[in-house]
Amino acid sequence: MRKTAWAVTGLVISIALSILWLERLSEQRLSINEPTLIMVEPGTNITRLGQQLINAGQSKQSLWQLRLLDRTLSSKGAIKAGEYRVKPGSTVLAFFEQLRSGQAYTRKLTFPEGWTLTQWRALLQAAEGLRPVTTRMTETELAIAVTGAPRPLEGWLFPETYHYTRGDTDLKLLKQAHQTMRKRLAHLWETLPQQDLLSPTELLILASIVERESGRNEDRYKIARVFLNRLQKGMRLQSDPTVIYGLGSVFDGDLKRRHLTSDGPFNTYTRAGLPPTPICNPGAGALTAVLTPADGDWLYFVGRGDGSSQFSLDLKAHNRAVNQYQRGK
């Protein structure tokens, strides 16, 4: 009986010590002193991950200890591939649970209002962790890949902050931006229809011009009214940004008179009406300004040099404003 009692006592003590050891093992923290991104490749298991942590100096535990800890205390299920952000003080066990939850690190990319498609593509190409699949596509190929149609993609991307995880493609973000613009545009057109424009596409084109013409948000509504007044009267829009967009890479930053008189589809000095496509990707502010323009009979405006604009009812007053603010007379 005594031998049996001693054996049972020894077993109990052994189990208690094992449990205590496992508890202390589970409290061991990763050797990380600052927030760290850890990449878990597809097909990775605990053994491979454990070796990765040891090789990187991120775990002081041996491989067999990591495997034992996972088998005895972790929840069941495979770990999910992805990029994970680990905070200082995280335990190994908590990290294993994070991998099984699939809560991968989310990156973000912000596209400012008024950027062109070319600028969007450059930012996407430089984005860390984003897989580029559209780099060698022509603009037509890109438009088909994003929208399913060969129509120009310029203007049809909504400026916003988009989130992605490592391994996502640039095409995925472009499709998301396109869908967002379509939904925003449709909603605005349904709730605030603009009687002076024929379609949401025309709204988008005019909003892109307002976006590039306005230095201050409060001026957008007046600038939108100027262009709408001109369209109503059959006057040419005479917008410098449309000419600059049409020049493309030829433009060196200095808009000359010969540029204004050289005819082209985007030259609103030589052609009446709206240009054939948007000239940038406008934001919600410019779209709203076109749908809810200020009340007024202005037909002209000129920049004051401080980001604001001077508005005029007739050409004589406009010429005075030009002399004052542009020519210093």
C-alpha atoms as a PDB file:
ATOM      1  CA  MET A   1       0.000   0.000   0.000  1.00  0.00           C
ATOM      2  CA  ARG A   2       2.808   2.372   0.892  1.00  0.00           C
ATOM      3  CA  LYS A   3       4.501   1.772  -2.444  1.00  0.00           C
ATOM      4  CA  THR A   4       1.261   2.456  -4.265  1.00  0.00           C
ATOM      5  CA  ALA A   5       0.694   5.619  -2.235  1.00  0.00           C
ATOM      6  CA  TRP A   6       4.213   6.839  -2.942  1.00  0.00           C
ATOM      7  CA  ALA A   7       3.758   6.050  -6.626  1.00  0.00           C
ATOM      8  CA  VAL A   8       0.480   7.997  -6.776  1.00  0.00           C
ATOM      9  CA  THR A   9       2.021  10.875  -4.860  1.00  0.00           C
ATOM     10  CA  GLY A  10       5.001  10.914  -7.188  1.00  0.00           C
ATOM     11  CA  LEU A  11       2.717  10.878 -10.216  1.00  0.00           C
ATOM     12  CA  VAL A  12       0.651  13.751  -8.851  1.00  0.00           C
ATOM     13  CA  ILE A  13       3.764  15.767  -8.108  1.00  0.00           C
ATOM     14  CA  SER A  14       5.143  14.985 -11.559  1.00  0.00           C
ATOM     15  CA  ILE A  15       1.912  16.081 -13.224  1.00  0.00           C
ATOM     16  CA  ALA A  16       1.771  19.249 -11.118  1.00  0.00           C
ATOM     17  CA  LEU A  17       5.349  20.118 -11.978  1.00  0.00           C
ATOM     18  CA  SER A  18       4.664  19.459 -15.663  1.00  0.00           C
ATOM     19  CA  ILE A  19       1.621  21.718 -15.588  1.00  0.00           C
ATOM     20  CA  LEU A  20       3.592  24.404 -13.783  1.00  0.00           C
ATOM     21  CA  TRP A  21       6.396  24.116 -16.325  1.00  0.00           C
ATOM     22  CA  LEU A  22       3.935  24.332 -19.215  1.00  0.00           C
ATOM     23  CA  GLU A  23       2.332  27.412 -17.667  1.00  0.00           C
ATOM     24  CA  ARG A  24       5.680  29.107 -17.385  1.00  0.00           C
ATOM     25  CA  LEU A  25       6.524  28.006 -20.907  1.00  0.00           C
ATOM     26  CA  SER A  26       3.274  29.512 -22.180  1.00  0.00           C
ATOM     27  CA  GLU A  27       4.184  32.828 -20.539  1.00  0.00           C
ATOM     28  CA  GLN A  28       7.448  33.065 -22.436  1.00  0.00           C
ATOM     29  CA  ARG A  29       7.449  36.114 -24.681  1.00  0.00           C
ATOM     30  CA  LEU A  30       8.837  36.585 -28.141  1.00  0.00           C
ATOM     31  CA  SER A  31      12.176  38.378 -28.296  1.00  0.00           C
ATOM     32  CA  ILE A  32      10.734  41.495 -29.923  1.00  0.00           C
ATOM     33  CA  ASN A  33      11.424  45.007 -28.650  1.00  0.00           C
ATOM     34  CA  GLU A  34       9.279  46.950 -31.114  1.00  0.00           C
ATOM     35  CA  PRO A  35       6.266  46.268 -33.345  1.00  0.00           C
ATOM     36  CA  THR A  36       7.488  43.747 -35.901  1.00  0.00           C
ATOM     37  CA  LEU A  37       6.043  42.373 -39.113  1.00  0.00           C
ATOM     38  CA  ILE A  38       6.402  38.614 -39.500  1.00  0.00           C
ATOM     39  CA  MET A  39       5.619  36.980 -42.832  1.00  0.00           C
ATOM     40  CA  VAL A  40       4.091  33.501 -42.788  1.00  0.00           C
ATOM     41  CA  GLU A  41       4.357  31.884 -46.201  1.00  0.00           C
ATOM     42  CA  PRO A  42       1.641  29.589 -47.613  1.00  0.00           C
ATOM     43  CA  GLY A  43       2.072  25.982 -46.498  1.00  0.00           C
ATOM     44  CA  THR A  44       3.907  26.924 -43.301  1.00  0.00           C
ATOM     45  CA  ASN A  45       3.306  24.684 -40.261  1.00  0.00           C
ATOM     46  CA  ILE A  46       4.314  25.139 -36.631  1.00  0.00           C
ATOM     47  CA  THR A  47       7.620  23.303 -37.112  1.00  0.00           C
ATOM     48  CA  ARG A  48       8.636  25.511 -40.021  1.00  0.00           C
ATOM     49  CA  LEU A  49       7.372  28.645 -38.289  1.00  0.00           C
ATOM     50  CA  GLY A  50       9.189  27.771 -35.077  1.00  0.00           C
ATOM     51  CA  GLN A  51      12.459  27.373 -36.936  1.00  0.00           C
ATOM     52  CA  GLN A  52      11.825  30.696 -38.659  1.00  0.00           C
ATOM     53  CA  LEU A  53      11.376  32.425 -35.282  1.00  0.00           C
ATOM     54  CA  ILE A  54      14.516  30.796 -33.863  1.00  0.00           C
ATOM     55  CA  ASN A  55      16.629  31.695 -36.908  1.00  0.00           C
ATOM     56  CA  ALA A  56      15.467  35.305 -36.712  1.00  0.00           C
ATOM     57  CA  GLY A  57      16.301  35.468 -33.010  1.00  0.00           C
ATOM     58  CA  GLN A  58      12.652  36.123 -32.183  1.00  0.00           C
ATOM     59  CA  SER A  59      12.261  33.072 -29.923  1.00  0.00           C
ATOM     60  CA  LYS A  60      14.595  31.830 -27.187  1.00  0.00           C
ATOM     61  CA  GLN A  61      12.745  28.551 -26.873  1.00  0.00           C
ATOM     62  CA  SER A  62      13.898  25.412 -28.641  1.00  0.00           C
ATOM     63  CA  LEU A  63      11.923  23.926 -31.511  1.00  0.00           C
ATOM     64  CA  TRP A  64      10.648  20.976 -29.464  1.00  0.00           C
ATOM     65  CA  GLN A  65       9.379  23.334 -26.779  1.00  0.00           C
ATOM     66  CA  LEU A  66       7.481  25.398 -29.340  1.00  0.00           C
ATOM     67  CA  ARG A  67       5.923  22.274 -30.823  1.00  0.00           C
ATOM     68  CA  LEU A  68       4.963  20.930 -27.392  1.00  0.00           C
ATOM     69  CA  LEU A  69       3.454  24.253 -26.387  1.00  0.00           C
ATOM     70  CA  ASP A  70       1.367  24.353 -29.540  1.00  0.00           C
ATOM     71  CA  ARG A  71       0.152  20.766 -29.224  1.00  0.00           C
ATOM     72  CA  THR A  72      -0.848  21.027 -25.578  1.00  0.00           C
ATOM     73  CA  LEU A  73      -2.207  24.561 -25.167  1.00  0.00           C
ATOM     74  CA  SER A  74      -3.043  26.007 -28.597  1.00  0.00           C
ATOM     75  CA  SER A  75      -6.441  25.739 -30.256  1.00  0.00           C
ATOM     76  CA  LYS A  76      -6.835  23.351 -33.136  1.00  0.00           C
ATOM     77  CA  GLY A  77      -6.665  24.297 -36.784  1.00  0.00           C
ATOM     78  CA  ALA A  78      -4.052  25.240 -39.331  1.00  0.00           C
ATOM     79  CA  ILE A  79      -2.190  28.522 -39.169  1.00  0.00           C
ATOM     80  CA  LYS A  80      -3.059  30.948 -41.948  1.00  0.00           C
ATOM     81  CA  ALA A  81      -0.536  32.479 -44.306  1.00  0.00           C
ATOM     82  CA  GLY A  82      -0.080  36.230 -44.357  1.00  0.00           C
ATOM     83  CA  GLU A  83       1.796  39.133 -42.845  1.00  0.00           C
ATOM     84  CA  TYR A  84       1.285  39.636 -39.121  1.00  0.00           C
ATOM     85  CA  ARG A  85       2.138  42.573 -36.894  1.00  0.00           C
ATOM     86  CA  VAL A  86       3.438  41.420 -33.526  1.00  0.00           C
ATOM     87  CA  LYS A  87       3.590  43.795 -30.576  1.00  0.00           C
ATOM     88  CA  PRO A  88       6.357  43.798 -27.943  1.00  0.00           C
ATOM     89  CA  GLY A  89       5.417  41.610 -25.000  1.00  0.00           C
ATOM     90  CA  SER A  90       3.402  39.130 -27.070  1.00  0.00           C
ATOM     91  CA  THR A  91       3.677  35.540 -25.896  1.00  0.00           C
ATOM     92  CA  VAL A  92       4.437  32.723 -28.281  1.00  0.00           C
ATOM     93  CA  LEU A  93       1.070  31.173 -27.532  1.00  0.00           C
ATOM     94  CA  ALA A  94      -0.781  34.420 -28.297  1.00  0.00           C
ATOM     95  CA  PHE A  95       1.122  34.671 -31.563  1.00  0.00           C
ATOM     96  CA  PHE A  96       0.066  31.140 -32.532  1.00  0.00           C
ATOM     97  CA  GLU A  97      -3.556  32.063 -31.843  1.00  0.00           C
ATOM     98  CA  GLN A  98      -3.170  35.206 -33.945  1.00  0.00           C
ATOM     99  CA  LEU A  99      -1.983  33.073 -36.864  1.00  0.00           C
ATOM    100  CA  ARG A 100      -4.954  30.727 -36.559  1.00  0.00           C
ATOM    101  CA  SER A 101      -7.385  33.650 -36.484  1.00  0.00           C
ATOM    102  CA  GLY A 102      -6.018  34.965 -39.784  1.00  0.00           C
ATOM    103  CA  GLN A 103      -5.869  38.550 -38.465  1.00  0.00           C
ATOM    104  CA  ALA A 104      -3.203  39.640 -40.925  1.00  0.00           C
ATOM    105  CA  TYR A 105      -1.609  43.081 -40.887  1.00  0.00           C
ATOM    106  CA  THR A 106      -3.525  45.602 -42.970  1.00  0.00           C
ATOM    107  CA  ARG A 107      -1.667  48.229 -44.974  1.00  0.00           C
ATOM    108  CA  LYS A 108      -3.218  51.380 -46.407  1.00  0.00           C
ATOM    109  CA  LEU A 109      -2.740  53.537 -49.477  1.00  0.00           C
ATOM    110  CA  THR A 110      -4.204  57.032 -49.903  1.00  0.00           C
ATOM    111  CA  PHE A 111      -4.988  58.549 -53.299  1.00  0.00           C
ATOM    112  CA  PRO A 112      -5.425  62.354 -53.164  1.00  0.00           C
ATOM    113  CA  GLU A 113      -8.261  64.124 -54.939  1.00  0.00           C
ATOM    114  CA  GLY A 114      -7.389  65.328 -58.412  1.00  0.00           C
ATOM    115  CA  TRP A 115      -4.709  62.768 -59.208  1.00  0.00           C
ATOM    116  CA  THR A 116      -4.538  61.367 -62.727  1.00  0.00           C
ATOM    117  CA  LEU A 117      -4.470  57.701 -63.673  1.00  0.00           C
ATOM    118  CA  THR A 118      -0.738  57.998 -64.359  1.00  0.00           C
ATOM    119  CA  GLN A 119      -0.144  59.192 -60.795  1.00  0.00           C
ATOM    120  CA  TRP A 120      -2.299  56.394 -59.408  1.00  0.00           C
ATOM    121  CA  ARG A 121      -0.285  53.782 -61.293  1.00  0.00           C
ATOM    122  CA  ALA A 122       3.023  55.204 -60.053  1.00  0.00           C
ATOM    123  CA  LEU A 123       1.850  55.088 -56.422  1.00  0.00           C
ATOM    124  CA  LEU A 124       0.569  51.523 -56.813  1.00  0.00           C
ATOM    125  CA  GLN A 125       3.843  50.396 -58.317  1.00  0.00           C
ATOM    126  CA  ALA A 126       5.795  51.820 -55.376  1.00  0.00           C
ATOM    127  CA  ALA A 127       3.453  50.441 -52.690  1.00  0.00           C
ATOM    128  CA  GLU A 128       5.183  47.997 -50.346  1.00  0.00           C
ATOM    129  CA  GLY A 129       3.637  44.549 -50.156  1.00  0.00           C
ATOM    130  CA  LEU A 130       1.323  45.093 -53.125  1.00  0.00           C
ATOM    131  CA  ARG A 131       1.789  42.642 -55.979  1.00  0.00           C
ATOM    132  CA  PRO A 132       1.988  44.523 -59.319  1.00  0.00           C
ATOM    133  CA  VAL A 133       0.155  42.768 -62.134  1.00  0.00           C
ATOM    134  CA  THR A 134      -0.826  45.807 -64.217  1.00  0.00           C
ATOM    135  CA  THR A 135       2.612  47.364 -64.693  1.00  0.00           C
ATOM    136  CA  ARG A 136       2.991  46.343 -68.323  1.00  0.00           C
ATOM    137  CA  MET A 137      -0.645  46.845 -69.304  1.00  0.00           C
ATOM    138  CA  THR A 138      -1.542  49.590 -71.733  1.00  0.00           C
ATOM    139  CA  GLU A 139      -4.264  51.996 -70.616  1.00  0.00           C
ATOM    140  CA  THR A 140      -6.774  50.155 -72.797  1.00  0.00           C
ATOM    141  CA  GLU A 141      -5.759  46.771 -71.375  1.00  0.00           C
ATOM    142  CA  LEU A 142      -5.967  48.197 -67.882  1.00  0.00           C
ATOM    143  CA  ALA A 143      -9.433  49.642 -68.509  1.00  0.00           C
ATOM    144  CA  ILE A 144     -10.675  46.259 -69.729  1.00  0.00           C
ATOM    145  CA  ALA A 145      -9.139  44.486 -66.730  1.00  0.00           C
ATOM    146  CA  VAL A 146     -10.753  46.927 -64.273  1.00  0.00           C
ATOM    147  CA  THR A 147     -14.119  47.680 -65.875  1.00  0.00           C
ATOM    148  CA  GLY A 148     -14.587  44.966 -68.492  1.00  0.00           C
ATOM    149  CA  ALA A 149     -14.807  47.602 -71.226  1.00  0.00           C
ATOM    150  CA  PRO A 150     -12.199  49.503 -73.274  1.00  0.00           C
ATOM    151  CA  ARG A 151     -13.498  52.961 -72.327  1.00  0.00           C
ATOM    152  CA  PRO A 152     -10.887  55.288 -70.728  1.00  0.00           C
ATOM    153  CA  LEU A 153     -10.394  54.675 -67.017  1.00  0.00           C
ATOM    154  CA  GLU A 154      -9.404  58.283 -66.254  1.00  0.00           C
ATOM    155  CA  GLY A 155     -11.797  59.823 -63.763  1.00  0.00           C
ATOM    156  CA  TRP A 156     -13.465  56.567 -62.768  1.00  0.00           C
ATOM    157  CA  LEU A 157     -11.375  55.927 -59.646  1.00  0.00           C
ATOM    158  CA  PHE A 158     -12.577  57.364 -56.355  1.00  0.00           C
ATOM    159  CA  PRO A 159      -9.894  59.172 -54.299  1.00  0.00           C
ATOM    160  CA  GLU A 160      -9.808  57.610 -50.860  1.00  0.00           C
ATOM    161  CA  THR A 161      -7.712  55.539 -48.463  1.00  0.00           C
ATOM    162  CA  TYR A 162      -7.779  51.863 -49.392  1.00  0.00           C
ATOM    163  CA  HIS A 163      -6.615  48.943 -47.261  1.00  0.00           C
ATOM    164  CA  TYR A 164      -4.841  45.804 -48.394  1.00  0.00           C
ATOM    165  CA  THR A 165      -2.756  42.936 -47.087  1.00  0.00           C
ATOM    166  CA  ARG A 166       0.625  41.793 -48.384  1.00  0.00           C
ATOM    167  CA  GLY A 167       0.176  39.781 -51.548  1.00  0.00           C
ATOM    168  CA  ASP A 168      -2.933  41.617 -52.756  1.00  0.00           C
ATOM    169  CA  THR A 169      -2.663  42.874 -56.337  1.00  0.00           C
ATOM    170  CA  ASP A 170      -2.761  46.440 -57.605  1.00  0.00           C
ATOM    171  CA  LEU A 171      -5.615  45.348 -59.864  1.00  0.00           C
ATOM    172  CA  LYS A 172      -7.708  44.479 -56.805  1.00  0.00           C
ATOM    173  CA  LEU A 173      -7.326  48.022 -55.434  1.00  0.00           C
ATOM    174  CA  LEU A 174      -8.133  49.581 -58.807  1.00  0.00           C
ATOM    175  CA  LYS A 175     -11.293  47.506 -59.096  1.00  0.00           C
ATOM    176  CA  GLN A 176     -12.307  48.560 -55.607  1.00  0.00           C
ATOM    177  CA  ALA A 177     -11.675  52.238 -56.405  1.00  0.00           C
ATOM    178  CA  HIS A 178     -13.678  51.927 -59.624  1.00  0.00           C
ATOM    179  CA  GLN A 179     -16.636  50.294 -57.907  1.00  0.00           C
ATOM    180  CA  THR A 180     -16.562  52.968 -55.220  1.00  0.00           C
ATOM    181  CA  MET A 181     -16.661  55.738 -57.816  1.00  0.00           C
ATOM    182  CA  ARG A 182     -19.526  54.110 -59.704  1.00  0.00           C
ATOM    183  CA  LYS A 183     -21.583  53.758 -56.523  1.00  0.00           C
ATOM    184  CA  ARG A 184     -20.848  57.307 -55.325  1.00  0.00           C
ATOM    185  CA  LEU A 185     -21.588  58.760 -58.741  1.00  0.00           C
ATOM    186  CA  ALA A 186     -24.864  56.856 -59.111  1.00  0.00           C
ATOM    187  CA  HIS A 187     -25.992  57.863 -55.623  1.00  0.00           C
ATOM    188  CA  LEU A 188     -25.186  61.550 -56.159  1.00  0.00           C
ATOM    189  CA  TRP A 189     -26.880  61.597 -59.561  1.00  0.00           C
ATOM    190  CA  GLU A 190     -30.044  60.028 -58.145  1.00  0.00           C
ATOM    191  CA  THR A 191     -30.265  62.311 -55.124  1.00  0.00           C
ATOM    192  CA  LEU A 192     -29.021  65.567 -56.690  1.00  0.00           C
ATOM    193  CA  PRO A 193     -29.649  65.413 -60.452  1.00  0.00           C
ATOM    194  CA  GLN A 194     -28.010  68.244 -62.394  1.00  0.00           C
ATOM    195  CA  GLN A 195     -30.462  69.557 -64.974  1.00  0.00           C
ATOM    196  CA  ASP A 196     -27.724  71.218 -67.058  1.00  0.00           C
ATOM    197  CA  LEU A 197     -25.883  67.934 -67.644  1.00  0.00           C
ATOM    198  CA  LEU A 198     -27.069  64.945 -69.624  1.00  0.00           C
ATOM    199  CA  SER A 199     -25.513  62.045 -67.706  1.00  0.00           C
ATOM    200  CA  PRO A 200     -23.368  60.981 -64.745  1.00  0.00           C
ATOM    201  CA  THR A 201     -20.445  60.815 -67.160  1.00  0.00           C
ATOM    202  CA  GLU A 202     -20.804  64.511 -67.948  1.00  0.00           C
ATOM    203  CA  LEU A 203     -20.985  65.186 -64.218  1.00  0.00           C
ATOM    204  CA  LEU A 204     -17.724  63.303 -63.755  1.00  0.00           C
ATOM    205  CA  ILE A 205     -16.000  65.200 -66.577  1.00  0.00           C
ATOM    206  CA  LEU A 206     -17.032  68.629 -65.301  1.00  0.00           C
ATOM    207  CA  ALA A 207     -16.177  67.693 -61.706  1.00  0.00           C
ATOM    208  CA  SER A 208     -12.673  66.722 -62.814  1.00  0.00           C
ATOM    209  CA  ILE A 209     -12.200  70.187 -64.333  1.00  0.00           C
ATOM    210  CA  VAL A 210     -13.539  71.896 -61.203  1.00  0.00           C
ATOM    211  CA  GLU A 211     -11.176  69.740 -59.130  1.00  0.00           C
ATOM    212  CA  ARG A 212      -8.117  70.938 -61.048  1.00  0.00           C
ATOM    213  CA  GLU A 213      -9.252  74.567 -61.239  1.00  0.00           C
ATOM    214  CA  SER A 214     -10.025  75.105 -57.565  1.00  0.00           C
ATOM    215  CA  GLY A 215      -7.479  75.933 -54.900  1.00  0.00           C
ATOM    216  CA  ARG A 216     -10.048  76.396 -52.145  1.00  0.00           C
ATOM    217  CA  ASN A 217     -13.087  74.292 -51.338  1.00  0.00           C
ATOM    218  CA  GLU A 218     -15.373  77.322 -50.979  1.00  0.00           C
ATOM    219  CA  ASP A 219     -14.488  78.461 -54.513  1.00  0.00           C
ATOM    220  CA  ARG A 220     -15.483  75.147 -56.094  1.00  0.00           C
ATOM    221  CA  TYR A 221     -19.174  75.990 -56.018  1.00  0.00           C
ATOM    222  CA  LYS A 222     -18.615  79.299 -57.821  1.00  0.00           C
ATOM    223  CA  ILE A 223     -16.245  77.733 -60.357  1.00  0.00           C
ATOM    224  CA  ALA A 224     -18.823  75.041 -61.055  1.00  0.00           C
ATOM    225  CA  ARG A 225     -21.416  77.768 -61.634  1.00  0.00           C
ATOM    226  CA  VAL A 226     -19.098  79.606 -64.062  1.00  0.00           C
ATOM    227  CA  PHE A 227     -18.677  76.495 -66.222  1.00  0.00           C
ATOM    228  CA  LEU A 228     -22.379  75.639 -66.081  1.00  0.00           C
ATOM    229  CA  ASN A 229     -23.255  79.212 -67.093  1.00  0.00           C
ATOM    230  CA  ARG A 230     -20.836  78.968 -70.006  1.00  0.00           C
ATOM    231  CA  LEU A 231     -22.311  75.656 -71.156  1.00  0.00           C
ATOM    232  CA  GLN A 232     -25.811  77.136 -71.006  1.00  0.00           C
ATOM    233  CA  LYS A 233     -24.742  80.088 -73.178  1.00  0.00           C
ATOM    234  CA  GLY A 234     -22.792  77.955 -75.639  1.00  0.00           C
ATOM    235  CA  MET A 235     -19.506  79.574 -74.610  1.00  0.00           C
ATOM    236  CA  ARG A 236     -16.264  77.624 -74.605  1.00  0.00           C
ATOM    237  CA  LEU A 237     -15.032  76.570 -71.189  1.00  0.00           C
ATOM    238  CA  GLN A 238     -11.508  77.936 -71.791  1.00  0.00           C
ATOM    239  CA  SER A 239      -9.969  75.856 -69.013  1.00  0.00           C
ATOM    240  CA  ASP A 240      -6.172  75.690 -68.815  1.00  0.00           C
ATOM    241  CA  PRO A 241      -6.111  72.311 -66.996  1.00  0.00           C
ATOM    242  CA  THR A 242      -7.892  70.610 -69.892  1.00  0.00           C
ATOM    243  CA  VAL A 243      -5.264  71.909 -72.322  1.00  0.00           C
ATOM    244  CA  ILE A 244      -2.455  70.798 -70.017  1.00  0.00           C
ATOM    245  CA  TYR A 245      -3.982  67.334 -69.716  1.00  0.00           C
ATOM    246  CA  GLY A 246      -4.203  67.075 -73.490  1.00  0.00           C
ATOM    247  CA  LEU A 247      -0.524  67.968 -73.838  1.00  0.00           C
ATOM    248  CA  GLY A 248       0.443  65.037 -71.617  1.00  0.00           C
ATOM    249  CA  SER A 249       4.167  64.462 -71.139  1.00  0.00           C
ATOM    250  CA  VAL A 250       4.934  67.232 -73.667  1.00  0.00           C
ATOM    251  CA  PHE A 251       3.900  69.865 -71.126  1.00  0.00           C
ATOM    252  CA  ASP A 252       6.958  71.272 -69.334  1.00  0.00           C
ATOM    253  CA  GLY A 253       5.146  73.398 -66.757  1.00  0.00           C
ATOM    254  CA  ASP A 254       4.920  76.526 -68.912  1.00  0.00           C
ATOM    255  CA  LEU A 255       1.585  76.964 -70.702  1.00  0.00           C
ATOM    256  CA  LYS A 256       2.095  79.153 -73.775  1.00  0.00           C
ATOM    257  CA  ARG A 257      -0.305  80.917 -76.129  1.00  0.00           C
ATOM    258  CA  ARG A 258       0.519  78.447 -78.904  1.00  0.00           C
ATOM    259  CA  HIS A 259      -0.743  75.666 -76.662  1.00  0.00           C
ATOM    260  CA  LEU A 260      -4.079  77.460 -76.274  1.00  0.00           C
ATOM    261  CA  THR A 261      -4.508  77.956 -80.020  1.00  0.00           C
ATOM    262  CA  SER A 262      -3.377  74.479 -81.081  1.00  0.00           C
ATOM    263  CA  ASP A 263      -6.554  72.449 -81.599  1.00  0.00           C
ATOM    264  CA  GLY A 264      -7.057  69.105 -79.883  1.00  0.00           C
ATOM    265  CA  PRO A 265      -9.835  67.091 -78.201  1.00  0.00           C
ATOM    266  CA  PHE A 266      -8.961  68.518 -74.766  1.00  0.00           C
ATOM    267  CA  ASN A 267      -8.442  72.111 -75.887  1.00  0.00           C
ATOM    268  CA  THR A 268     -11.500  73.894 -74.484  1.00  0.00           C
ATOM    269  CA  TYR A 269     -10.276  77.156 -76.013  1.00  0.00           C
ATOM    270  CA  THR A 270     -10.744  75.847 -79.551  1.00  0.00           C
ATOM    271  CA  ARG A 271     -13.624  73.411 -78.965  1.00  0.00           C
ATOM    272  CA  ALA A 272     -17.033  73.936 -77.394  1.00  0.00           C
ATOM    273  CA  GLY A 273     -18.574  71.724 -74.759  1.00  0.00           C
ATOM    274  CA  LEU A 274     -16.936  69.269 -72.427  1.00  0.00           C
ATOM    275  CA  PRO A 275     -13.740  67.359 -73.259  1.00  0.00           C
ATOM    276  CA  PRO A 276     -14.172  63.683 -74.219  1.00  0.00           C
ATOM    277  CA  THR A 277     -13.096  62.267 -70.833  1.00  0.00           C
ATOM    278  CA  PRO A 278     -12.362  63.451 -67.302  1.00  0.00           C
ATOM    279  CA  ILE A 279      -8.923  64.986 -66.835  1.00  0.00           C
ATOM    280  CA  CYS A 280      -8.350  63.568 -63.347  1.00  0.00           C
ATOM    281  CA  ASN A 281     -10.090  61.562 -60.649  1.00  0.00           C
ATOM    282  CA  PRO A 282     -12.265  64.062 -58.740  1.00  0.00           C
ATOM    283  CA  GLY A 283     -13.273  63.724 -55.120  1.00  0.00           C
ATOM    284  CA  ALA A 284     -16.658  63.977 -53.458  1.00  0.00           C
ATOM    285  CA  GLY A 285     -16.222  67.732 -52.914  1.00  0.00           C
ATOM    286  CA  ALA A 286     -15.894  68.536 -56.616  1.00  0.00           C
ATOM    287  CA  LEU A 287     -18.763  66.207 -57.536  1.00  0.00           C
ATOM    288  CA  THR A 288     -21.015  67.848 -54.966  1.00  0.00           C
ATOM    289  CA  ALA A 289     -19.988  71.336 -56.129  1.00  0.00           C
ATOM    290  CA  VAL A 290     -21.161  70.584 -59.667  1.00  0.00           C
ATOM    291  CA  LEU A 291     -24.470  69.204 -58.390  1.00  0.00           C
ATOM    292  CA  THR A 292     -25.052  72.077 -55.948  1.00  0.00           C
ATOM    293  CA  PRO A 293     -23.298  75.095 -57.513  1.00  0.00           C
ATOM    294  CA  ALA A 294     -23.450  78.580 -56.051  1.00  0.00           C
ATOM    295  CA  ASP A 295     -26.084  80.987 -57.350  1.00  0.00           C
ATOM    296  CA  GLY A 296     -24.643  83.672 -59.606  1.00  0.00           C
ATOM    297  CA  ASP A 297     -24.215  84.927 -63.173  1.00  0.00           C
ATOM    298  CA  TRP A 298     -20.415  84.790 -63.259  1.00  0.00           C
ATOM    299  CA  LEU A 299     -18.819  83.882 -66.557  1.00  0.00           C
ATOM    300  CA  TYR A 300     -15.147  84.366 -65.698  1.00  0.00           C
ATOM    301  CA  PHE A 301     -12.679  83.749 -62.891  1.00  0.00           C
ATOM    302  CA  VAL A 302      -8.960  84.189 -62.376  1.00  0.00           C
ATOM    303  CA  GLY A 303      -6.606  83.058 -59.648  1.00  0.00           C
ATOM    304  CA  ARG A 304      -5.496  85.660 -57.123  1.00  0.00           C
ATOM    305  CA  GLY A 305      -2.205  83.904 -56.493  1.00  0.00           C
ATOM    306  CA  ASP A 306      -3.061  82.733 -52.993  1.00  0.00           C
ATOM    307  CA  GLY A 307      -5.206  79.761 -53.992  1.00  0.00           C
ATOM    308  CA  SER A 308      -8.430  81.761 -54.154  1.00  0.00           C
ATOM    309  CA  SER A 309     -10.200  83.108 -57.258  1.00  0.00           C
ATOM    310  CA  GLN A 310     -11.706  86.406 -58.384  1.00  0.00           C
ATOM    311  CA  PHE A 311     -15.063  86.020 -60.174  1.00  0.00           C
ATOM    312  CA  SER A 312     -16.432  88.408 -62.801  1.00  0.00           C
ATOM    313  CA  LEU A 313     -19.749  88.900 -64.585  1.00  0.00           C
ATOM    314  CA  ASP A 314     -18.342  90.223 -67.855  1.00  0.00           C
ATOM    315  CA  LEU A 315     -15.157  90.277 -69.905  1.00  0.00           C
ATOM    316  CA  LYS A 316     -14.301  93.880 -69.031  1.00  0.00           C
ATOM    317  CA  ALA A 317     -14.292  93.160 -65.301  1.00  0.00           C
ATOM    318  CA  HIS A 318     -12.400  89.927 -65.927  1.00  0.00           C
ATOM    319  CA  ASN A 319      -9.650  91.725 -67.851  1.00  0.00           C
ATOM    320  CA  ARG A 320      -9.252  94.136 -64.955  1.00  0.00           C
ATOM    321  CA  ALA A 321      -8.932  91.183 -62.574  1.00  0.00           C
ATOM    322  CA  VAL A 322      -6.360  89.554 -64.848  1.00  0.00           C
ATOM    323  CA  ASN A 323      -4.311  92.764 -64.947  1.00  0.00           C
ATOM    324  CA  GLN A 324      -4.493  93.078 -61.186  1.00  0.00           C
ATOM    325  CA  TYR A 325      -3.780  89.508 -60.104  1.00  0.00           C
ATOM    326  CA  GLN A 326      -1.845  87.975 -63.017  1.00  0.00           C
ATOM    327  CA  ARG A 327       0.026  90.851 -64.661  1.00  0.00           C
ATOM    328  CA  GLY A 328       0.555  93.021 -61.579  1.00  0.00           C
ATOM    329  CA  LYS A 329      -0.897  96.132 -63.218  1.00  0.00           C
END
